[in-house]
Structures are given as C-alpha cells and as structure tokens.
C-alpha cells in the first residue's frame, strides 16, 4: 500500500525563520552574534543547506528558553521524512515485512 504525500517535509531552518526570527524581529546576524556562531552557519540553516546539530540545538534552546529536544526532534523528523520519500520504493522492494504468523 502506498501513501500519497501531500506536503514536502519542513526543514527546521524554515521553522526557525518563520516561527521565531520573523515574529520576534530577530535578524540572522543578531541570532548568530547572540549564539556566538558564524553568521554563515545560521544562513545555511535558514537556507536549508545545513541541519540542526546538537551544538546548535543546545544554543537555540538556551536562547529561546526551550528544550534542546524540540530542535533535535525537528531535524530528526525532517531527515526521516526526506529519507522515507527517497527510499520508499526501494524499501518496498528490498525489505520484507515480518509477520508474527511466520514465526510459528
């Protein structure tokens, strides 16, 4: 059974930009300075060229006063959805589904 994908996975950089930086009127430059990371790193996350690392998750969680797991979960979900889309047909062909009745 194949599922139809309605929406593309949302990158954590888009969430950072749309749900945090824009509403709070925080520039990418200010965020980079406040997190003590290179501006290129923030720009690449926003541009979806780089993912959220554990280091960035810890910095963002401290900065925004929230859990680092929030940021890591966003990245993990994104990575899983991208891979699921990429590998769906291949996995259906290559990986058998375990059936409990086969074990008896």
N, C-alpha and C. Protein backbone atom coordinates (compact mmCIF):
# COMPACT_ATOMS: atom_id res chain seq x y z
N UNK A 1 0.85 -1.18 0.00
CA UNK A 1 0.00 0.00 0.00
C UNK A 1 0.89 1.24 0.00
N UNK A 2 0.65 2.12 -0.92
CA UNK A 2 1.44 3.34 -0.98
C UNK A 2 0.63 4.53 -0.49
N UNK A 3 1.30 5.43 0.21
CA UNK A 3 0.67 6.64 0.71
C UNK A 3 0.98 7.77 -0.24
N UNK A 4 0.02 8.68 -0.39
CA UNK A 4 0.28 9.86 -1.20
C UNK A 4 0.78 10.95 -0.28
N UNK A 5 1.87 11.56 -0.66
CA UNK A 5 2.48 12.62 0.13
C UNK A 5 1.83 13.94 -0.26
N UNK A 6 1.24 14.63 0.70
CA UNK A 6 0.58 15.90 0.42
C UNK A 6 1.53 17.08 0.52
N UNK A 7 2.40 17.05 1.49
CA UNK A 7 3.30 18.17 1.74
C UNK A 7 4.75 17.69 1.80
N UNK A 8 5.63 18.54 1.33
CA UNK A 8 7.06 18.24 1.46
C UNK A 8 7.47 18.41 2.92
N UNK A 9 8.47 17.67 3.37
CA UNK A 9 8.95 17.84 4.75
C UNK A 9 9.39 19.28 4.99
N UNK A 10 9.16 19.76 6.20
CA UNK A 10 9.53 21.13 6.56
C UNK A 10 10.87 21.11 7.27
N UNK A 11 11.81 21.85 6.72
CA UNK A 11 13.16 21.93 7.28
C UNK A 11 13.13 22.77 8.56
N UNK A 12 13.92 22.40 9.56
CA UNK A 12 13.98 23.19 10.80
C UNK A 12 14.37 24.65 10.57
N UNK A 13 15.14 24.92 9.52
CA UNK A 13 15.50 26.30 9.20
C UNK A 13 14.30 27.15 8.87
N UNK A 14 13.33 26.56 8.18
CA UNK A 14 12.09 27.29 7.87
C UNK A 14 11.32 27.60 9.15
N UNK A 15 11.27 26.66 10.05
CA UNK A 15 10.59 26.87 11.33
C UNK A 15 11.31 27.94 12.14
N UNK A 16 12.62 27.86 12.18
CA UNK A 16 13.41 28.87 12.89
C UNK A 16 13.10 30.26 12.35
N UNK A 17 13.08 30.39 11.04
CA UNK A 17 12.83 31.69 10.42
C UNK A 17 11.39 32.16 10.62
N UNK A 18 10.43 31.31 10.27
CA UNK A 18 9.03 31.72 10.23
C UNK A 18 8.36 31.79 11.61
N UNK A 19 8.78 30.91 12.51
CA UNK A 19 8.11 30.84 13.82
C UNK A 19 8.86 31.56 14.94
N UNK A 20 10.11 31.88 14.70
CA UNK A 20 10.91 32.52 15.75
C UNK A 20 11.48 33.87 15.31
N UNK A 21 12.32 33.85 14.29
CA UNK A 21 13.03 35.07 13.92
C UNK A 21 12.10 36.17 13.42
N UNK A 22 11.24 35.85 12.47
CA UNK A 22 10.34 36.88 11.93
C UNK A 22 9.40 37.45 12.99
N UNK A 23 8.64 36.59 13.71
CA UNK A 23 7.71 37.15 14.70
C UNK A 23 8.40 37.92 15.83
N UNK A 24 9.61 37.51 16.17
CA UNK A 24 10.34 38.17 17.27
C UNK A 24 11.23 39.30 16.77
N UNK A 25 11.22 39.49 15.45
CA UNK A 25 12.03 40.54 14.81
C UNK A 25 13.51 40.43 15.18
N UNK A 26 14.02 39.20 15.07
CA UNK A 26 15.43 38.92 15.33
C UNK A 26 16.10 38.67 13.98
N UNK A 27 17.14 39.41 13.69
CA UNK A 27 17.85 39.21 12.43
C UNK A 27 18.75 37.97 12.53
N UNK A 28 19.10 37.44 11.40
CA UNK A 28 20.03 36.31 11.37
C UNK A 28 21.37 36.72 11.96
N UNK A 29 21.78 37.93 11.68
CA UNK A 29 23.05 38.44 12.20
C UNK A 29 23.02 38.51 13.73
N UNK A 30 21.92 39.02 14.26
CA UNK A 30 21.81 39.12 15.72
C UNK A 30 21.80 37.73 16.35
N UNK A 31 21.05 36.81 15.75
CA UNK A 31 21.00 35.45 16.29
C UNK A 31 22.39 34.84 16.30
N UNK A 32 23.11 34.97 15.20
CA UNK A 32 24.47 34.42 15.12
C UNK A 32 25.35 35.02 16.20
N UNK A 33 25.26 36.32 16.37
CA UNK A 33 26.07 37.00 17.39
C UNK A 33 25.68 36.53 18.79
N UNK A 34 24.38 36.46 19.07
CA UNK A 34 23.92 36.05 20.40
C UNK A 34 24.24 34.58 20.70
N UNK A 35 24.25 33.75 19.66
CA UNK A 35 24.58 32.33 19.85
C UNK A 35 26.09 32.08 19.83
N UNK A 36 26.83 33.11 19.41
CA UNK A 36 28.28 33.01 19.28
C UNK A 36 28.68 31.94 18.25
N UNK A 37 28.03 32.03 17.08
CA UNK A 37 28.35 31.14 15.96
C UNK A 37 28.53 32.01 14.71
N UNK A 38 29.22 31.50 13.70
CA UNK A 38 29.39 32.28 12.47
C UNK A 38 28.04 32.52 11.78
N UNK A 39 27.88 33.70 11.21
CA UNK A 39 26.65 34.05 10.51
C UNK A 39 26.36 33.06 9.38
N UNK A 40 27.40 32.55 8.74
CA UNK A 40 27.22 31.59 7.65
C UNK A 40 26.47 30.35 8.12
N UNK A 41 26.74 29.95 9.35
CA UNK A 41 26.08 28.76 9.89
C UNK A 41 24.57 29.00 10.00
N UNK A 42 24.17 30.16 10.49
CA UNK A 42 22.75 30.48 10.62
C UNK A 42 22.12 30.62 9.24
N UNK A 43 22.79 31.32 8.34
CA UNK A 43 22.27 31.49 6.98
C UNK A 43 22.06 30.14 6.29
N UNK A 44 23.00 29.23 6.45
CA UNK A 44 22.88 27.91 5.82
C UNK A 44 21.74 27.10 6.42
N UNK A 45 21.48 27.26 7.70
CA UNK A 45 20.34 26.58 8.32
C UNK A 45 19.05 27.16 7.74
N UNK A 46 18.95 28.48 7.69
CA UNK A 46 17.76 29.15 7.16
C UNK A 46 17.54 28.79 5.70
N UNK A 47 18.61 28.70 4.93
CA UNK A 47 18.54 28.37 3.51
C UNK A 47 18.39 26.87 3.26
N UNK A 48 18.27 26.09 4.32
CA UNK A 48 18.08 24.64 4.26
C UNK A 48 19.27 23.92 3.62
N UNK A 49 20.44 24.48 3.79
CA UNK A 49 21.67 23.86 3.29
C UNK A 49 22.42 23.13 4.40
N UNK A 50 21.98 23.32 5.63
CA UNK A 50 22.63 22.73 6.80
C UNK A 50 21.54 22.36 7.79
N UNK A 51 21.78 21.29 8.52
CA UNK A 51 20.82 20.85 9.52
C UNK A 51 21.13 21.41 10.90
N UNK A 52 20.25 21.11 11.82
CA UNK A 52 20.43 21.48 13.23
C UNK A 52 21.30 20.42 13.88
N UNK A 53 22.45 20.82 14.38
CA UNK A 53 23.35 19.91 15.09
C UNK A 53 23.01 19.95 16.58
N UNK A 54 23.58 19.04 17.33
CA UNK A 54 23.38 19.06 18.79
C UNK A 54 23.89 20.37 19.38
N UNK A 55 25.01 20.87 18.88
CA UNK A 55 25.57 22.13 19.35
C UNK A 55 24.58 23.28 19.14
N UNK A 56 24.05 23.38 17.94
CA UNK A 56 23.10 24.46 17.64
C UNK A 56 21.81 24.27 18.43
N UNK A 57 21.36 23.02 18.58
CA UNK A 57 20.15 22.76 19.36
C UNK A 57 20.31 23.25 20.80
N UNK A 58 21.47 23.00 21.38
CA UNK A 58 21.73 23.46 22.75
C UNK A 58 21.75 24.98 22.83
N UNK A 59 22.35 25.61 21.84
CA UNK A 59 22.41 27.07 21.82
C UNK A 59 21.02 27.68 21.62
N UNK A 60 20.26 27.14 20.67
CA UNK A 60 18.91 27.66 20.43
C UNK A 60 18.00 27.44 21.63
N UNK A 61 18.14 26.29 22.28
CA UNK A 61 17.29 26.00 23.44
C UNK A 61 17.57 26.97 24.57
N UNK A 62 18.82 27.27 24.79
CA UNK A 62 19.17 28.25 25.84
C UNK A 62 18.67 29.64 25.45
N UNK A 63 18.87 30.01 24.22
CA UNK A 63 18.50 31.34 23.73
C UNK A 63 16.99 31.57 23.83
N UNK A 64 16.21 30.61 23.37
CA UNK A 64 14.75 30.77 23.35
C UNK A 64 14.07 30.22 24.60
N UNK A 65 14.85 29.63 25.52
CA UNK A 65 14.28 29.11 26.76
C UNK A 65 13.38 27.90 26.56
N UNK A 66 13.84 26.99 25.73
CA UNK A 66 13.05 25.79 25.47
C UNK A 66 13.96 24.56 25.40
N UNK A 67 13.36 23.43 25.19
CA UNK A 67 14.09 22.16 25.19
C UNK A 67 14.96 22.00 23.95
N UNK A 68 16.16 21.49 24.16
CA UNK A 68 17.01 21.16 23.01
C UNK A 68 16.40 20.04 22.19
N UNK A 69 15.60 19.21 22.83
CA UNK A 69 14.95 18.10 22.12
C UNK A 69 13.98 18.60 21.06
N UNK A 70 13.38 19.75 21.30
CA UNK A 70 12.49 20.35 20.30
C UNK A 70 13.24 20.50 18.98
N UNK A 71 14.43 21.09 19.04
CA UNK A 71 15.21 21.34 17.83
C UNK A 71 15.74 20.05 17.22
N UNK A 72 16.19 19.14 18.05
CA UNK A 72 16.70 17.86 17.54
C UNK A 72 15.57 17.04 16.93
N UNK A 73 14.40 17.08 17.55
CA UNK A 73 13.25 16.34 17.00
C UNK A 73 12.82 16.91 15.65
N UNK A 74 12.86 18.23 15.51
CA UNK A 74 12.55 18.82 14.20
C UNK A 74 13.49 18.29 13.13
N UNK A 75 14.78 18.23 13.46
CA UNK A 75 15.77 17.76 12.49
C UNK A 75 15.58 16.28 12.19
N UNK A 76 15.35 15.50 13.24
CA UNK A 76 15.16 14.06 13.05
C UNK A 76 13.94 13.77 12.20
N UNK A 77 12.84 14.44 12.50
CA UNK A 77 11.62 14.25 11.70
C UNK A 77 11.85 14.61 10.24
N UNK A 78 12.53 15.73 10.03
CA UNK A 78 12.83 16.15 8.66
C UNK A 78 13.68 15.10 7.95
N UNK A 79 14.74 14.65 8.60
CA UNK A 79 15.64 13.66 7.99
C UNK A 79 14.90 12.37 7.66
N UNK A 80 14.05 11.90 8.57
CA UNK A 80 13.29 10.67 8.35
C UNK A 80 12.34 10.83 7.17
N UNK A 81 11.63 11.94 7.11
CA UNK A 81 10.68 12.16 6.01
C UNK A 81 11.39 12.26 4.66
N UNK A 82 12.52 12.93 4.62
CA UNK A 82 13.29 13.03 3.38
C UNK A 82 13.74 11.64 2.93
N UNK A 83 14.28 10.86 3.85
CA UNK A 83 14.74 9.51 3.51
C UNK A 83 13.59 8.60 3.15
N UNK A 84 12.48 8.72 3.85
CA UNK A 84 11.31 7.90 3.55
C UNK A 84 10.85 8.17 2.11
N UNK A 85 10.79 9.43 1.73
CA UNK A 85 10.40 9.78 0.36
C UNK A 85 11.42 9.25 -0.64
N UNK A 86 12.67 9.37 -0.32
CA UNK A 86 13.74 8.97 -1.23
C UNK A 86 13.82 7.45 -1.40
N UNK A 87 13.60 6.72 -0.31
CA UNK A 87 13.81 5.27 -0.32
C UNK A 87 12.54 4.43 -0.39
N UNK A 88 11.39 5.07 -0.41
CA UNK A 88 10.11 4.35 -0.31
C UNK A 88 10.03 3.14 -1.25
N UNK A 89 10.17 3.35 -2.54
CA UNK A 89 10.03 2.25 -3.50
C UNK A 89 11.11 1.19 -3.30
N UNK A 90 12.32 1.63 -3.05
CA UNK A 90 13.43 0.69 -2.85
C UNK A 90 13.18 -0.19 -1.62
N UNK A 91 12.72 0.42 -0.52
CA UNK A 91 12.45 -0.36 0.69
C UNK A 91 11.32 -1.36 0.48
N UNK A 92 10.30 -0.94 -0.26
CA UNK A 92 9.18 -1.85 -0.54
C UNK A 92 9.65 -3.07 -1.32
N UNK A 93 10.63 -2.89 -2.19
CA UNK A 93 11.16 -4.00 -2.99
C UNK A 93 12.16 -4.85 -2.21
N UNK A 94 12.99 -4.22 -1.38
CA UNK A 94 14.12 -4.91 -0.77
C UNK A 94 13.86 -5.47 0.62
N UNK A 95 12.94 -4.89 1.38
CA UNK A 95 12.78 -5.28 2.78
C UNK A 95 11.45 -5.99 2.97
N UNK A 96 11.53 -7.20 3.49
CA UNK A 96 10.32 -7.97 3.78
C UNK A 96 9.68 -7.43 5.05
N UNK A 97 8.37 -7.63 5.15
CA UNK A 97 7.64 -7.26 6.35
C UNK A 97 7.52 -8.51 7.22
N UNK A 98 7.93 -8.40 8.47
CA UNK A 98 7.85 -9.52 9.39
C UNK A 98 6.40 -9.76 9.76
N UNK A 99 5.98 -10.98 9.67
CA UNK A 99 4.62 -11.35 10.08
C UNK A 99 4.74 -12.33 11.24
N UNK A 100 4.05 -12.05 12.32
CA UNK A 100 4.13 -12.89 13.51
C UNK A 100 3.74 -14.33 13.19
N UNK A 101 2.83 -14.54 12.26
CA UNK A 101 2.40 -15.89 11.92
C UNK A 101 3.53 -16.70 11.28
N UNK A 102 4.51 -16.04 10.67
CA UNK A 102 5.64 -16.74 10.06
C UNK A 102 6.58 -17.33 11.11
N UNK A 103 6.55 -16.77 12.30
CA UNK A 103 7.47 -17.20 13.35
C UNK A 103 7.04 -18.52 13.99
N UNK A 104 5.81 -18.90 13.79
CA UNK A 104 5.30 -20.13 14.44
C UNK A 104 5.70 -21.38 13.74
